[in-house]
Amino acid sequence: MSAAAPASALGRVTVAAVLAVTALTLGACGADTLQDRAKPTITLDQARTRIDGYLAAIQSQLPVQAVSLPPAFSDLECDANDVGPHGRKQSSRGYDFGDVPSDVKAKTVTDYRSYLSGQGFQAVPDAAGSHPDWVRMKNPQNQFLAILNGTSDSSHDLTLQVSSPCIWPDGTPPK
C-alpha cells in the first residue's frame, strides 16, 4: 500500500462526513420548534463520547474492519435554515472500510440494520432517492444518526458515520 492510500481513504471519509452532516442538517436537528431549540442540551464533549461509543459498538458487530483510524471530529454549525437560535453545533465522525466485496458488503448491511434496530434505532427513509446507497438509522430517543454509505454494488468505498443532533457546545443556550 502506498503512502497516498491512507490519505486518499482519509479524504473519502472526510467527504462522507460532510455529506452525512449536511444530510442530517437538512432533515432538521431533532427539535421541532424554536422553543425546543432554545433548551439546554448535552455538551459537545458528551456528544463526541456518545459518537465514539456508537461507532465502537456498531463496528464490533460488523464483518469488516476499518482500514484507517477515524479522522478528527467534524463539528459544524447547524444550518442557517434551522430557524435558530444560532450557535448550535453538530458533531460527527466515522470509519472507512475501503473497497469491500459485494457478499461481505451485503452481510455488513444486514448486520448493521439488525444491530441498530435491536438498539432502538429506526430506519430513516431516503428523501426522493437522493442517496440510494446510504442506509440511515436514527435513535428516536436522542436523535443520533448512523449512516452506512457505499452499500450499492457500484460503490467502491464503504463508510460508517455517526452524527449528533444539533447541540449547544457547552450544553447551555446563550442568554
C-alpha atoms as a PDB file:
ATOM      1  CA  MET A   1       0.000   0.000   0.000  1.00  0.00           C
ATOM      2  CA  SER A   2       1.410   3.373  -0.955  1.00  0.00           C
ATOM      3  CA  ALA A   3       1.623   6.404   1.312  1.00  0.00           C
ATOM      4  CA  ALA A   4      -1.093   8.014  -0.812  1.00  0.00           C
ATOM      5  CA  ALA A   5      -3.633   5.287   0.018  1.00  0.00           C
ATOM      6  CA  PRO A   6      -4.218   6.299   3.674  1.00  0.00           C
ATOM      7  CA  ALA A   7      -4.507   9.966   2.663  1.00  0.00           C
ATOM      8  CA  SER A   8      -6.997   9.028  -0.055  1.00  0.00           C
ATOM      9  CA  ALA A   9      -9.040   6.979   2.434  1.00  0.00           C
ATOM     10  CA  LEU A  10      -8.971   9.887   4.877  1.00  0.00           C
ATOM     11  CA  GLY A  11     -10.208  12.196   2.125  1.00  0.00           C
ATOM     12  CA  ARG A  12     -13.106   9.854   1.328  1.00  0.00           C
ATOM     13  CA  VAL A  13     -14.091   9.688   4.996  1.00  0.00           C
ATOM     14  CA  THR A  14     -13.926  13.484   5.250  1.00  0.00           C
ATOM     15  CA  VAL A  15     -16.185  13.864   2.212  1.00  0.00           C
ATOM     16  CA  ALA A  16     -18.572  11.265   3.639  1.00  0.00           C
ATOM     17  CA  ALA A  17     -18.593  13.128   6.962  1.00  0.00           C
ATOM     18  CA  VAL A  18     -19.514  16.424   5.342  1.00  0.00           C
ATOM     19  CA  LEU A  19     -22.256  14.754   3.288  1.00  0.00           C
ATOM     20  CA  ALA A  20     -23.648  12.955   6.325  1.00  0.00           C
ATOM     21  CA  VAL A  21     -23.730  16.094   8.448  1.00  0.00           C
ATOM     22  CA  THR A  22     -25.318  18.039   5.607  1.00  0.00           C
ATOM     23  CA  ALA A  23     -27.998  15.372   5.216  1.00  0.00           C
ATOM     24  CA  LEU A  24     -28.744  15.454   8.922  1.00  0.00           C
ATOM     25  CA  THR A  25     -28.888  19.247   8.951  1.00  0.00           C
ATOM     26  CA  LEU A  26     -31.290  19.353   6.028  1.00  0.00           C
ATOM     27  CA  GLY A  27     -33.565  16.963   7.899  1.00  0.00           C
ATOM     28  CA  ALA A  28     -33.735  19.259  10.976  1.00  0.00           C
ATOM     29  CA  CYS A  29     -31.817  18.839  14.156  1.00  0.00           C
ATOM     30  CA  GLY A  30     -34.143  16.872  16.356  1.00  0.00           C
ATOM     31  CA  ALA A  31     -36.079  19.861  17.680  1.00  0.00           C
ATOM     32  CA  ASP A  32     -39.324  20.940  16.071  1.00  0.00           C
ATOM     33  CA  THR A  33     -39.847  24.442  17.418  1.00  0.00           C
ATOM     34  CA  LEU A  34     -37.784  27.487  18.255  1.00  0.00           C
ATOM     35  CA  GLN A  35     -38.700  26.939  21.913  1.00  0.00           C
ATOM     36  CA  ASP A  36     -37.395  23.353  21.775  1.00  0.00           C
ATOM     37  CA  ARG A  37     -34.192  24.557  20.115  1.00  0.00           C
ATOM     38  CA  ALA A  38     -33.553  27.066  22.916  1.00  0.00           C
ATOM     39  CA  LYS A  39     -33.486  24.349  25.606  1.00  0.00           C
ATOM     40  CA  PRO A  40     -30.274  23.028  27.193  1.00  0.00           C
ATOM     41  CA  THR A  41     -28.668  20.014  25.501  1.00  0.00           C
ATOM     42  CA  ILE A  42     -25.797  17.655  26.126  1.00  0.00           C
ATOM     43  CA  THR A  43     -22.367  19.224  25.614  1.00  0.00           C
ATOM     44  CA  LEU A  44     -20.130  18.816  22.583  1.00  0.00           C
ATOM     45  CA  ASP A  45     -17.768  16.632  24.652  1.00  0.00           C
ATOM     46  CA  GLN A  46     -20.673  14.414  25.728  1.00  0.00           C
ATOM     47  CA  ALA A  47     -21.830  14.129  22.097  1.00  0.00           C
ATOM     48  CA  ARG A  48     -18.330  13.123  20.987  1.00  0.00           C
ATOM     49  CA  THR A  49     -18.150  10.479  23.713  1.00  0.00           C
ATOM     50  CA  ARG A  50     -21.530   9.093  22.642  1.00  0.00           C
ATOM     51  CA  ILE A  51     -20.471   9.110  18.961  1.00  0.00           C
ATOM     52  CA  ASP A  52     -17.316   7.127  19.752  1.00  0.00           C
ATOM     53  CA  GLY A  53     -19.377   4.687  21.826  1.00  0.00           C
ATOM     54  CA  TYR A  54     -21.823   4.134  18.991  1.00  0.00           C
ATOM     55  CA  LEU A  55     -19.009   3.742  16.452  1.00  0.00           C
ATOM     56  CA  ALA A  56     -17.186   1.159  18.576  1.00  0.00           C
ATOM     57  CA  ALA A  57     -20.372  -0.798  19.307  1.00  0.00           C
ATOM     58  CA  ILE A  58     -21.517  -0.808  15.679  1.00  0.00           C
ATOM     59  CA  GLN A  59     -18.098  -1.735  14.307  1.00  0.00           C
ATOM     60  CA  SER A  60     -17.842  -4.641  16.751  1.00  0.00           C
ATOM     61  CA  GLN A  61     -20.971  -6.138  15.141  1.00  0.00           C
ATOM     62  CA  LEU A  62     -19.784  -5.862  11.537  1.00  0.00           C
ATOM     63  CA  PRO A  63     -17.811  -8.416   9.475  1.00  0.00           C
ATOM     64  CA  VAL A  64     -15.432  -5.677   8.217  1.00  0.00           C
ATOM     65  CA  GLN A  65     -12.745  -3.649   9.935  1.00  0.00           C
ATOM     66  CA  ALA A  66     -11.743  -0.041   9.327  1.00  0.00           C
ATOM     67  CA  VAL A  67      -8.770   0.481   7.039  1.00  0.00           C
ATOM     68  CA  SER A  68      -7.545   3.540   8.968  1.00  0.00           C
ATOM     69  CA  LEU A  69      -8.017   5.333  12.229  1.00  0.00           C
ATOM     70  CA  PRO A  70     -11.033   7.647  12.350  1.00  0.00           C
ATOM     71  CA  PRO A  71     -10.364  11.285  11.471  1.00  0.00           C
ATOM     72  CA  ALA A  72     -10.849  14.090  13.947  1.00  0.00           C
ATOM     73  CA  PHE A  73     -14.399  15.035  14.814  1.00  0.00           C
ATOM     74  CA  SER A  74     -16.148  17.230  12.295  1.00  0.00           C
ATOM     75  CA  ASP A  75     -18.031  19.948  14.169  1.00  0.00           C
ATOM     76  CA  LEU A  76     -20.243  22.149  12.026  1.00  0.00           C
ATOM     77  CA  GLU A  77     -22.671  24.888  12.942  1.00  0.00           C
ATOM     78  CA  CYS A  78     -26.276  23.900  12.367  1.00  0.00           C
ATOM     79  CA  ASP A  79     -27.671  25.131   9.084  1.00  0.00           C
ATOM     80  CA  ALA A  80     -28.836  28.725   8.726  1.00  0.00           C
ATOM     81  CA  ASN A  81     -32.241  27.364   7.646  1.00  0.00           C
ATOM     82  CA  ASP A  82     -32.513  25.787  11.074  1.00  0.00           C
ATOM     83  CA  VAL A  83     -34.756  28.674  12.320  1.00  0.00           C
ATOM     84  CA  GLY A  84     -32.246  29.434  15.075  1.00  0.00           C
ATOM     85  CA  PRO A  85     -31.315  30.201  17.664  1.00  0.00           C
ATOM     86  CA  HIS A  86     -27.876  30.135  16.124  1.00  0.00           C
ATOM     87  CA  GLY A  87     -24.727  28.776  17.733  1.00  0.00           C
ATOM     88  CA  ARG A  88     -25.711  25.124  17.998  1.00  0.00           C
ATOM     89  CA  LYS A  89     -23.338  22.547  16.510  1.00  0.00           C
ATOM     90  CA  GLN A  90     -23.426  19.013  15.181  1.00  0.00           C
ATOM     91  CA  SER A  91     -20.523  16.662  15.618  1.00  0.00           C
ATOM     92  CA  SER A  92     -19.730  13.620  13.513  1.00  0.00           C
ATOM     93  CA  ARG A  93     -17.044  11.048  12.983  1.00  0.00           C
ATOM     94  CA  GLY A  94     -16.694   7.858  11.020  1.00  0.00           C
ATOM     95  CA  TYR A  95     -14.734   4.919   9.738  1.00  0.00           C
ATOM     96  CA  ASP A  96     -13.649   3.960   6.235  1.00  0.00           C
ATOM     97  CA  PHE A  97     -13.744   0.246   5.401  1.00  0.00           C
ATOM     98  CA  GLY A  98     -12.310   0.601   1.901  1.00  0.00           C
ATOM     99  CA  ASP A  99     -13.458  -1.356  -1.145  1.00  0.00           C
ATOM    100  CA  VAL A 100     -15.471  -4.265   0.275  1.00  0.00           C
ATOM    101  CA  PRO A 101     -16.528  -7.299  -1.812  1.00  0.00           C
ATOM    102  CA  SER A 102     -20.276  -7.449  -2.618  1.00  0.00           C
ATOM    103  CA  ASP A 103     -21.016 -10.506  -0.471  1.00  0.00           C
ATOM    104  CA  VAL A 104     -19.290  -9.008   2.582  1.00  0.00           C
ATOM    105  CA  LYS A 105     -20.973  -5.661   1.921  1.00  0.00           C
ATOM    106  CA  ALA A 106     -24.412  -7.345   1.874  1.00  0.00           C
ATOM    107  CA  LYS A 107     -23.698  -9.076   5.202  1.00  0.00           C
ATOM    108  CA  THR A 108     -22.420  -5.789   6.633  1.00  0.00           C
ATOM    109  CA  VAL A 109     -25.673  -4.028   5.697  1.00  0.00           C
ATOM    110  CA  THR A 110     -27.751  -6.825   7.251  1.00  0.00           C
ATOM    111  CA  ASP A 111     -25.682  -6.858  10.461  1.00  0.00           C
ATOM    112  CA  TYR A 112     -25.733  -3.034  10.668  1.00  0.00           C
ATOM    113  CA  ARG A 113     -29.531  -2.861  10.362  1.00  0.00           C
ATOM    114  CA  SER A 114     -30.082  -5.767  12.711  1.00  0.00           C
ATOM    115  CA  TYR A 115     -27.788  -4.440  15.425  1.00  0.00           C
ATOM    116  CA  LEU A 116     -29.088  -0.865  15.345  1.00  0.00           C
ATOM    117  CA  SER A 117     -32.738  -1.980  15.210  1.00  0.00           C
ATOM    118  CA  GLY A 118     -32.063  -4.041  18.323  1.00  0.00           C
ATOM    119  CA  GLN A 119     -30.685  -0.903  19.978  1.00  0.00           C
ATOM    120  CA  GLY A 120     -33.864   1.066  19.247  1.00  0.00           C
ATOM    121  CA  PHE A 121     -32.678   2.880  16.118  1.00  0.00           C
ATOM    122  CA  GLN A 122     -35.193   3.289  13.309  1.00  0.00           C
ATOM    123  CA  ALA A 123     -34.663   3.430   9.558  1.00  0.00           C
ATOM    124  CA  VAL A 124     -34.735   6.918   8.055  1.00  0.00           C
ATOM    125  CA  PRO A 125     -36.274   6.916   4.581  1.00  0.00           C
ATOM    126  CA  ASP A 126     -34.209   8.366   1.768  1.00  0.00           C
ATOM    127  CA  ALA A 127     -35.720  11.657   0.597  1.00  0.00           C
ATOM    128  CA  ALA A 128     -36.617  11.233  -3.070  1.00  0.00           C
ATOM    129  CA  GLY A 129     -33.784   8.802  -3.783  1.00  0.00           C
ATOM    130  CA  SER A 130     -31.079  11.382  -3.115  1.00  0.00           C
ATOM    131  CA  HIS A 131     -28.680   8.828  -1.605  1.00  0.00           C
ATOM    132  CA  PRO A 132     -29.671   5.336  -2.776  1.00  0.00           C
ATOM    133  CA  ASP A 133     -26.518   3.700  -1.411  1.00  0.00           C
ATOM    134  CA  TRP A 134     -26.931   5.066   2.131  1.00  0.00           C
ATOM    135  CA  VAL A 135     -28.570   3.134   4.957  1.00  0.00           C
ATOM    136  CA  ARG A 136     -29.570   5.682   7.605  1.00  0.00           C
ATOM    137  CA  MET A 137     -30.685   4.728  11.116  1.00  0.00           C
ATOM    138  CA  LYS A 138     -31.722   7.231  13.802  1.00  0.00           C
ATOM    139  CA  ASN A 139     -32.166   6.841  17.530  1.00  0.00           C
ATOM    140  CA  PRO A 140     -35.565   8.438  18.302  1.00  0.00           C
ATOM    141  CA  GLN A 141     -34.611   8.867  21.960  1.00  0.00           C
ATOM    142  CA  ASN A 142     -31.591  11.130  21.402  1.00  0.00           C
ATOM    143  CA  GLN A 143     -31.638  11.903  17.637  1.00  0.00           C
ATOM    144  CA  PHE A 144     -28.146  10.491  16.919  1.00  0.00           C
ATOM    145  CA  LEU A 145     -27.866   9.336  13.314  1.00  0.00           C
ATOM    146  CA  ALA A 146     -25.794   6.468  11.901  1.00  0.00           C
ATOM    147  CA  ILE A 147     -25.154   6.256   8.155  1.00  0.00           C
ATOM    148  CA  LEU A 148     -23.649   3.315   6.309  1.00  0.00           C
ATOM    149  CA  ASN A 149     -22.562   4.795   2.970  1.00  0.00           C
ATOM    150  CA  GLY A 150     -21.452   2.950  -0.160  1.00  0.00           C
ATOM    151  CA  THR A 151     -23.796  -0.014   0.172  1.00  0.00           C
ATOM    152  CA  SER A 152     -24.567  -0.497  -3.531  1.00  0.00           C
ATOM    153  CA  ASP A 153     -22.567  -2.877  -5.690  1.00  0.00           C
ATOM    154  CA  SER A 154     -21.376   0.060  -7.791  1.00  0.00           C
ATOM    155  CA  SER A 155     -19.840   1.834  -4.780  1.00  0.00           C
ATOM    156  CA  HIS A 156     -16.146   1.307  -4.242  1.00  0.00           C
ATOM    157  CA  ASP A 157     -15.847   2.573  -0.685  1.00  0.00           C
ATOM    158  CA  LEU A 158     -17.883   1.620   2.378  1.00  0.00           C
ATOM    159  CA  THR A 159     -18.008   4.091   5.271  1.00  0.00           C
ATOM    160  CA  LEU A 160     -19.766   4.346   8.618  1.00  0.00           C
ATOM    161  CA  GLN A 161     -20.660   7.747  10.044  1.00  0.00           C
ATOM    162  CA  VAL A 162     -22.347   8.734  13.318  1.00  0.00           C
ATOM    163  CA  SER A 163     -23.623  12.289  13.845  1.00  0.00           C
ATOM    164  CA  SER A 164     -25.106  14.088  16.810  1.00  0.00           C
ATOM    165  CA  PRO A 165     -28.234  16.219  16.698  1.00  0.00           C
ATOM    166  CA  CYS A 166     -27.811  19.989  17.000  1.00  0.00           C
ATOM    167  CA  ILE A 167     -26.497  20.798  20.466  1.00  0.00           C
ATOM    168  CA  TRP A 168     -25.138  23.755  22.392  1.00  0.00           C
ATOM    169  CA  PRO A 169     -21.333  23.333  22.623  1.00  0.00           C
ATOM    170  CA  ASP A 170     -21.385  23.817  26.407  1.00  0.00           C
ATOM    171  CA  GLY A 171     -24.930  22.442  26.805  1.00  0.00           C
ATOM    172  CA  THR A 172     -26.494  25.804  27.614  1.00  0.00           C
ATOM    173  CA  PRO A 173     -28.041  28.267  25.155  1.00  0.00           C
ATOM    174  CA  PRO A 174     -26.694  31.808  25.182  1.00  0.00           C
ATOM    175  CA  LYS A 175     -28.564  34.275  27.330  1.00  0.00           C
END
